[in-house]
C-alpha atoms as a PDB file:
ATOM      1  CA  MET A   1    -178.238   0.770-147.314  1.00  0.00           C
ATOM      2  CA  LYS A   2    -179.281   2.058-143.940  1.00  0.00           C
ATOM      3  CA  ALA A   3    -178.130   0.027-140.929  1.00  0.00           C
ATOM      4  CA  PHE A   4    -180.841  -1.563-138.838  1.00  0.00           C
ATOM      5  CA  LYS A   5    -181.270   0.287-135.540  1.00  0.00           C
ATOM      6  CA  LYS A   6    -181.999  -2.032-132.662  1.00  0.00           C
ATOM      7  CA  ILE A   7    -184.812  -0.769-130.475  1.00  0.00           C
ATOM      8  CA  VAL A   8    -186.278  -2.039-127.269  1.00  0.00           C
ATOM      9  CA  CYS A   9    -189.990  -2.824-127.286  1.00  0.00           C
ATOM     10  CA  GLN A  10    -191.896  -2.877-124.055  1.00  0.00           C
ATOM     11  CA  GLU A  11    -194.554  -5.546-123.671  1.00  0.00           C
ATOM     12  CA  THR A  12    -197.263  -3.011-122.875  1.00  0.00           C
ATOM     13  CA  SER A  13    -196.487  -0.713-125.801  1.00  0.00           C
ATOM     14  CA  PRO A  14    -198.895  -0.812-128.752  1.00  0.00           C
ATOM     15  CA  PHE A  15    -197.908  -1.309-132.375  1.00  0.00           C
ATOM     16  CA  ALA A  16    -199.760  -0.573-135.593  1.00  0.00           C
ATOM     17  CA  ILE A  17    -199.946  -2.350-138.953  1.00  0.00           C
ATOM     18  CA  ARG A  18    -200.449  -0.462-142.184  1.00  0.00           C
ATOM     19  CA  ALA A  19    -199.902  -0.880-145.907  1.00  0.00           C
ATOM     20  CA  GLU A  20    -196.241  -0.678-146.834  1.00  0.00           C
ATOM     21  CA  ARG A  21    -195.103   2.676-148.230  1.00  0.00           C
ATOM     22  CA  ALA A  22    -192.101   3.529-150.395  1.00  0.00           C
ATOM     23  CA  SER A  23    -190.630   5.367-147.398  1.00  0.00           C
ATOM     24  CA  ASP A  24    -190.591   2.037-145.471  1.00  0.00           C
ATOM     25  CA  VAL A  25    -188.159   0.386-147.895  1.00  0.00           C
ATOM     26  CA  PRO A  26    -184.806   1.345-146.284  1.00  0.00           C
ATOM     27  CA  ALA A  27    -185.966   0.254-142.812  1.00  0.00           C
ATOM     28  CA  ARG A  28    -187.603  -2.900-144.219  1.00  0.00           C
ATOM     29  CA  GLU A  29    -184.431  -3.882-146.075  1.00  0.00           C
ATOM     30  CA  ALA A  30    -182.313  -3.279-142.956  1.00  0.00           C
ATOM     31  CA  LEU A  31    -184.704  -5.407-140.867  1.00  0.00           C
ATOM     32  CA  LEU A  32    -184.585  -8.224-143.440  1.00  0.00           C
ATOM     33  CA  ASP A  33    -180.768  -8.097-143.534  1.00  0.00           C
ATOM     34  CA  ALA A  34    -180.643  -8.196-139.732  1.00  0.00           C
ATOM     35  CA  SER A  35    -183.143 -11.089-139.610  1.00  0.00           C
ATOM     36  CA  PHE A  36    -181.880 -13.261-142.475  1.00  0.00           C
ATOM     37  CA  GLY A  37    -178.405 -11.983-143.321  1.00  0.00           C
ATOM     38  CA  THR A  38    -177.275 -10.444-146.561  1.00  0.00           C
ATOM     39  CA  ASN A  39    -177.243 -13.902-148.175  1.00  0.00           C
ATOM     40  CA  ARG A  40    -181.051 -13.823-148.116  1.00  0.00           C
ATOM     41  CA  TYR A  41    -180.985 -13.077-151.851  1.00  0.00           C
ATOM     42  CA  ALA A  42    -179.633 -16.605-152.441  1.00  0.00           C
ATOM     43  CA  ARG A  43    -182.564 -18.357-150.731  1.00  0.00           C
ATOM     44  CA  THR A  44    -184.855 -20.557-152.812  1.00  0.00           C
ATOM     45  CA  CYS A  45    -188.030 -18.529-152.198  1.00  0.00           C
ATOM     46  CA  GLN A  46    -186.223 -15.404-153.352  1.00  0.00           C
ATOM     47  CA  ARG A  47    -186.429 -16.887-156.889  1.00  0.00           C
ATOM     48  CA  LEU A  48    -190.197 -16.370-156.640  1.00  0.00           C
ATOM     49  CA  ARG A  49    -189.755 -12.692-155.738  1.00  0.00           C
ATOM     50  CA  ASP A  50    -186.857 -11.667-157.978  1.00  0.00           C
ATOM     51  CA  GLY A  51    -187.982  -9.192-160.593  1.00  0.00           C
ATOM     52  CA  HIS A  52    -191.591  -9.102-159.388  1.00  0.00           C
ATOM     53  CA  ALA A  53    -193.622  -6.648-157.361  1.00  0.00           C
ATOM     54  CA  PRO A  54    -195.606  -7.815-154.330  1.00  0.00           C
ATOM     55  CA  ALA A  55    -199.284  -8.490-154.959  1.00  0.00           C
ATOM     56  CA  GLN A  56    -201.272  -5.263-155.005  1.00  0.00           C
ATOM     57  CA  GLY A  57    -202.350  -4.234-151.512  1.00  0.00           C
ATOM     58  CA  LEU A  58    -200.587  -7.177-149.851  1.00  0.00           C
ATOM     59  CA  ALA A  59    -197.391  -5.700-148.408  1.00  0.00           C
ATOM     60  CA  PHE A  60    -197.578  -4.629-144.761  1.00  0.00           C
ATOM     61  CA  SER A  61    -195.395  -2.874-142.208  1.00  0.00           C
ATOM     62  CA  ALA A  62    -195.693  -2.930-138.417  1.00  0.00           C
ATOM     63  CA  PHE A  63    -194.643   0.149-136.452  1.00  0.00           C
ATOM     64  CA  HIS A  64    -193.855   0.597-132.792  1.00  0.00           C
ATOM     65  CA  GLN A  65    -193.080   4.049-131.392  1.00  0.00           C
ATOM     66  CA  GLY A  66    -192.627   5.411-134.927  1.00  0.00           C
ATOM     67  CA  ARG A  67    -190.161   2.723-136.068  1.00  0.00           C
ATOM     68  CA  LEU A  68    -190.643  -0.185-138.432  1.00  0.00           C
ATOM     69  CA  VAL A  69    -190.480  -3.400-136.375  1.00  0.00           C
ATOM     70  CA  GLY A  70    -192.121  -5.924-138.698  1.00  0.00           C
ATOM     71  CA  THR A  71    -192.796  -6.675-142.333  1.00  0.00           C
ATOM     72  CA  VAL A  72    -194.632  -9.216-144.474  1.00  0.00           C
ATOM     73  CA  ARG A  73    -195.408  -9.348-148.186  1.00  0.00           C
ATOM     74  CA  LEU A  74    -197.345 -11.672-150.496  1.00  0.00           C
ATOM     75  CA  TRP A  75    -196.506 -12.371-154.148  1.00  0.00           C
ATOM     76  CA  HIS A  76    -198.402 -13.865-157.095  1.00  0.00           C
ATOM     77  CA  ILE A  77    -197.418 -17.403-158.055  1.00  0.00           C
ATOM     78  CA  SER A  78    -198.628 -20.377-160.019  1.00  0.00           C
ATOM     79  CA  ALA A  79    -198.614 -23.402-157.714  1.00  0.00           C
ATOM     80  CA  GLY A  80    -198.353 -26.103-160.362  1.00  0.00           C
ATOM     81  CA  GLY A  81    -200.901 -24.309-162.510  1.00  0.00           C
ATOM     82  CA  VAL A  82    -203.084 -23.132-159.615  1.00  0.00           C
ATOM     83  CA  SER A  83    -203.173 -19.368-159.051  1.00  0.00           C
ATOM     84  CA  ALA A  84    -202.001 -18.590-155.509  1.00  0.00           C
ATOM     85  CA  LEU A  85    -199.835 -16.315-153.400  1.00  0.00           C
ATOM     86  CA  VAL A  86    -196.517 -16.972-151.706  1.00  0.00           C
ATOM     87  CA  LEU A  87    -196.003 -15.312-148.316  1.00  0.00           C
ATOM     88  CA  GLY A  88    -192.649 -14.003-147.252  1.00  0.00           C
ATOM     89  CA  PRO A  89    -190.502 -12.969-145.886  1.00  0.00           C
ATOM     90  CA  LEU A  90    -192.051 -12.373-142.473  1.00  0.00           C
ATOM     91  CA  ALA A  91    -189.626 -10.556-140.190  1.00  0.00           C
ATOM     92  CA  VAL A  92    -189.963  -8.979-136.746  1.00  0.00           C
ATOM     93  CA  ASP A  93    -187.413  -7.088-134.698  1.00  0.00           C
ATOM     94  CA  PRO A  94    -186.290  -9.613-132.030  1.00  0.00           C
ATOM     95  CA  SER A  95    -186.906  -7.140-129.198  1.00  0.00           C
ATOM     96  CA  CYS A  96    -190.565  -6.806-130.262  1.00  0.00           C
ATOM     97  CA  ARG A  97    -191.486 -10.479-130.652  1.00  0.00           C
ATOM     98  CA  LYS A  98    -193.216 -10.639-127.265  1.00  0.00           C
ATOM     99  CA  LEU A  99    -195.707  -8.055-128.509  1.00  0.00           C
ATOM    100  CA  GLY A 100    -197.225 -10.529-130.999  1.00  0.00           C
ATOM    101  CA  VAL A 101    -196.180  -8.512-134.043  1.00  0.00           C
ATOM    102  CA  GLY A 102    -195.508 -11.618-136.168  1.00  0.00           C
ATOM    103  CA  ALA A 103    -198.876 -13.199-135.391  1.00  0.00           C
ATOM    104  CA  ALA A 104    -200.674  -9.907-136.017  1.00  0.00           C
ATOM    105  CA  LEU A 105    -198.906  -9.476-139.377  1.00  0.00           C
ATOM    106  CA  MET A 106    -199.835 -13.040-140.365  1.00  0.00           C
ATOM    107  CA  HIS A 107    -203.515 -12.592-139.439  1.00  0.00           C
ATOM    108  CA  HIS A 108    -203.591  -9.225-141.222  1.00  0.00           C
ATOM    109  CA  ALA A 109    -202.020 -10.669-144.391  1.00  0.00           C
ATOM    110  CA  VAL A 110    -204.320 -13.713-144.522  1.00  0.00           C
ATOM    111  CA  VAL A 111    -207.476 -11.649-143.966  1.00  0.00           C
ATOM    112  CA  ALA A 112    -206.394  -9.082-146.583  1.00  0.00           C
ATOM    113  CA  ALA A 113    -205.595 -11.801-149.148  1.00  0.00           C
ATOM    114  CA  LYS A 114    -208.979 -13.444-148.603  1.00  0.00           C
ATOM    115  CA  ALA A 115    -210.771 -10.085-148.841  1.00  0.00           C
ATOM    116  CA  ARG A 116    -209.064  -9.469-152.203  1.00  0.00           C
ATOM    117  CA  GLY A 117    -210.431 -12.765-153.522  1.00  0.00           C
ATOM    118  CA  HIS A 118    -207.264 -14.870-153.474  1.00  0.00           C
ATOM    119  CA  ALA A 119    -207.805 -18.609-153.123  1.00  0.00           C
ATOM    120  CA  ALA A 120    -204.611 -19.949-151.516  1.00  0.00           C
ATOM    121  CA  ILE A 121    -201.312 -19.000-149.876  1.00  0.00           C
ATOM    122  CA  ILE A 122    -198.104 -21.045-149.952  1.00  0.00           C
ATOM    123  CA  LEU A 123    -195.029 -20.485-147.782  1.00  0.00           C
ATOM    124  CA  LEU A 124    -191.789 -22.135-146.787  1.00  0.00           C
ATOM    125  CA  GLY A 125    -191.514 -22.172-143.013  1.00  0.00           C
ATOM    126  CA  ASP A 126    -191.694 -23.930-139.684  1.00  0.00           C
ATOM    127  CA  ALA A 127    -194.868 -26.039-139.603  1.00  0.00           C
ATOM    128  CA  SER A 128    -195.193 -25.776-135.822  1.00  0.00           C
ATOM    129  CA  TYR A 129    -195.288 -21.968-136.015  1.00  0.00           C
ATOM    130  CA  TYR A 130    -197.534 -21.585-139.069  1.00  0.00           C
ATOM    131  CA  ALA A 131    -200.074 -24.304-138.114  1.00  0.00           C
ATOM    132  CA  ARG A 132    -201.817 -21.834-135.795  1.00  0.00           C
ATOM    133  CA  PHE A 133    -202.725 -19.772-138.882  1.00  0.00           C
ATOM    134  CA  GLY A 134    -204.109 -22.824-140.710  1.00  0.00           C
ATOM    135  CA  PHE A 135    -201.054 -23.730-142.811  1.00  0.00           C
ATOM    136  CA  SER A 136    -200.159 -27.385-143.367  1.00  0.00           C
ATOM    137  CA  ALA A 137    -198.324 -29.658-145.787  1.00  0.00           C
ATOM    138  CA  LEU A 138    -201.516 -31.607-146.629  1.00  0.00           C
ATOM    139  CA  LYS A 139    -201.841 -30.262-150.178  1.00  0.00           C
ATOM    140  CA  THR A 140    -198.272 -29.256-151.014  1.00  0.00           C
ATOM    141  CA  SER A 141    -196.630 -32.681-151.283  1.00  0.00           C
ATOM    142  CA  GLU A 142    -196.801 -32.656-155.101  1.00  0.00           C
ATOM    143  CA  LEU A 143    -195.389 -29.134-155.438  1.00  0.00           C
ATOM    144  CA  SER A 144    -191.733 -28.166-155.947  1.00  0.00           C
ATOM    145  CA  LEU A 145    -189.703 -24.983-155.611  1.00  0.00           C
ATOM    146  CA  PRO A 146    -187.025 -23.686-158.011  1.00  0.00           C
ATOM    147  CA  GLY A 147    -184.123 -24.670-155.775  1.00  0.00           C
ATOM    148  CA  PRO A 148    -183.321 -26.720-152.687  1.00  0.00           C
ATOM    149  CA  PHE A 149    -185.929 -26.855-149.925  1.00  0.00           C
ATOM    150  CA  GLU A 150    -187.068 -29.077-147.085  1.00  0.00           C
ATOM    151  CA  ARG A 151    -190.294 -30.807-148.151  1.00  0.00           C
ATOM    152  CA  GLU A 152    -191.914 -30.643-144.674  1.00  0.00           C
ATOM    153  CA  ARG A 153    -191.486 -26.850-144.657  1.00  0.00           C
ATOM    154  CA  LEU A 154    -193.558 -26.290-147.835  1.00  0.00           C
ATOM    155  CA  LEU A 155    -196.954 -25.328-146.426  1.00  0.00           C
ATOM    156  CA  GLY A 156    -200.263 -24.207-147.849  1.00  0.00           C
ATOM    157  CA  LEU A 157    -203.457 -22.526-146.713  1.00  0.00           C
ATOM    158  CA  GLU A 158    -206.664 -22.640-148.713  1.00  0.00           C
ATOM    159  CA  LEU A 159    -208.656 -19.425-148.466  1.00  0.00           C
ATOM    160  CA  ARG A 160    -211.286 -21.044-150.645  1.00  0.00           C
ATOM    161  CA  GLU A 161    -212.071 -24.716-149.986  1.00  0.00           C
ATOM    162  CA  GLY A 162    -210.474 -27.023-152.543  1.00  0.00           C
ATOM    163  CA  ALA A 163    -208.291 -24.288-154.044  1.00  0.00           C
ATOM    164  CA  LEU A 164    -205.161 -26.470-153.910  1.00  0.00           C
ATOM    165  CA  ASN A 165    -206.871 -29.703-155.005  1.00  0.00           C
ATOM    166  CA  GLY A 166    -204.722 -31.292-157.689  1.00  0.00           C
ATOM    167  CA  ALA A 167    -201.902 -28.744-157.376  1.00  0.00           C
ATOM    168  CA  TRP A 168    -198.688 -30.377-158.570  1.00  0.00           C
ATOM    169  CA  GLY A 169    -195.471 -29.391-160.299  1.00  0.00           C
ATOM    170  CA  MET A 170    -193.136 -26.429-160.070  1.00  0.00           C
ATOM    171  CA  ILE A 171    -194.153 -23.263-158.252  1.00  0.00           C
ATOM    172  CA  ALA A 172    -193.413 -20.289-160.508  1.00  0.00           C
ATOM    173  CA  ALA A 173    -193.542 -16.530-160.099  1.00  0.00           C
ATOM    174  CA  THR A 174    -196.291 -14.607-161.858  1.00  0.00           C
ATOM    175  CA  GLY A 175    -197.623 -11.095-161.376  1.00  0.00           C
ATOM    176  CA  ALA A 176    -196.353  -7.632-162.184  1.00  0.00           C
ATOM    177  CA  LYS A 177    -192.704  -6.980-162.858  1.00  0.00           C
ATOM    178  CA  ALA A 178    -190.931  -4.756-160.339  1.00  0.00           C
ATOM    179  CA  ARG A 179    -188.868  -1.696-161.003  1.00  0.00           C
ATOM    180  CA  LYS A 180    -185.355  -2.533-159.910  1.00  0.00           C
ATOM    181  CA  SER A 181    -184.246  -0.578-156.899  1.00  0.00           C
ATOM    182  CA  ARG A 182    -180.634   0.461-156.494  1.00  0.00           C
ATOM    183  CA  SER A 183    -180.335  -1.355-153.155  1.00  0.00           C
ATOM    184  CA  HIS A 184    -181.641  -4.624-154.610  1.00  0.00           C
ATOM    185  CA  ALA A 185    -179.388  -4.341-157.661  1.00  0.00           C
ATOM    186  CA  ALA A 186    -176.377  -3.639-155.434  1.00  0.00           C
ATOM    187  CA  ALA A 187    -177.187  -6.603-153.159  1.00  0.00           C
ATOM    188  CA  ALA A 188    -177.635  -8.910-156.161  1.00  0.00           C
ATOM    189  CA  ALA A 189    -174.290  -7.764-157.605  1.00  0.00           C
ATOM    190  CA  LYS A 190    -172.596  -8.318-154.229  1.00  0.00           C
ATOM    191  CA  LEU A 191    -174.079 -11.821-154.013  1.00  0.00           C
ATOM    192  CA  ALA A 192    -172.971 -12.663-157.567  1.00  0.00           C
ATOM    193  CA  ALA A 193    -169.436 -11.470-156.781  1.00  0.00           C
ATOM    194  CA  SER A 194    -169.264 -13.592-153.628  1.00  0.00           C
ATOM    195  CA  VAL A 195    -170.431 -16.712-155.477  1.00  0.00           C
ATOM    196  CA  ALA A 196    -167.991 -16.236-158.375  1.00  0.00           C
END
């Protein structure tokens, strides 16, 4: 896997967001490793992504001076029987955070999900950060994840009023199966070896 190249973003420099392309994958994977460590495959929310493709048209890359500096993807889930999306991971190169890349990716992803007719988005994250985008724990208290998680970090956003009413039970992955990439298979094998 390609090593993540640290770049320096200047506060006045523009960035652009576009749909993720296959050519973005090596840089995206390097950014995710740099942001979350190679143990990111062991995280609870990864269980919702393993073996599945992101929701159609809902994977985005941010570029600054020709380099990938941010990424976000959304995935199909069943939130206790309610059809929804799970957002994550959101990652931004630390040197570019002052540009507002993370906020722009979040706004872009939420607007795109709503435009595609999705009713709700769930994520596991810092409530103080995600509240500005409308996420809260108000309707996620009866939901669970397939692994350990901090209850106050399970947040939801209704894109259609009442979409999460009555949502309870285990959150499970749905959606299209993904073709296994060599880098993901290698990382999963490395993780399994380290756990054994």
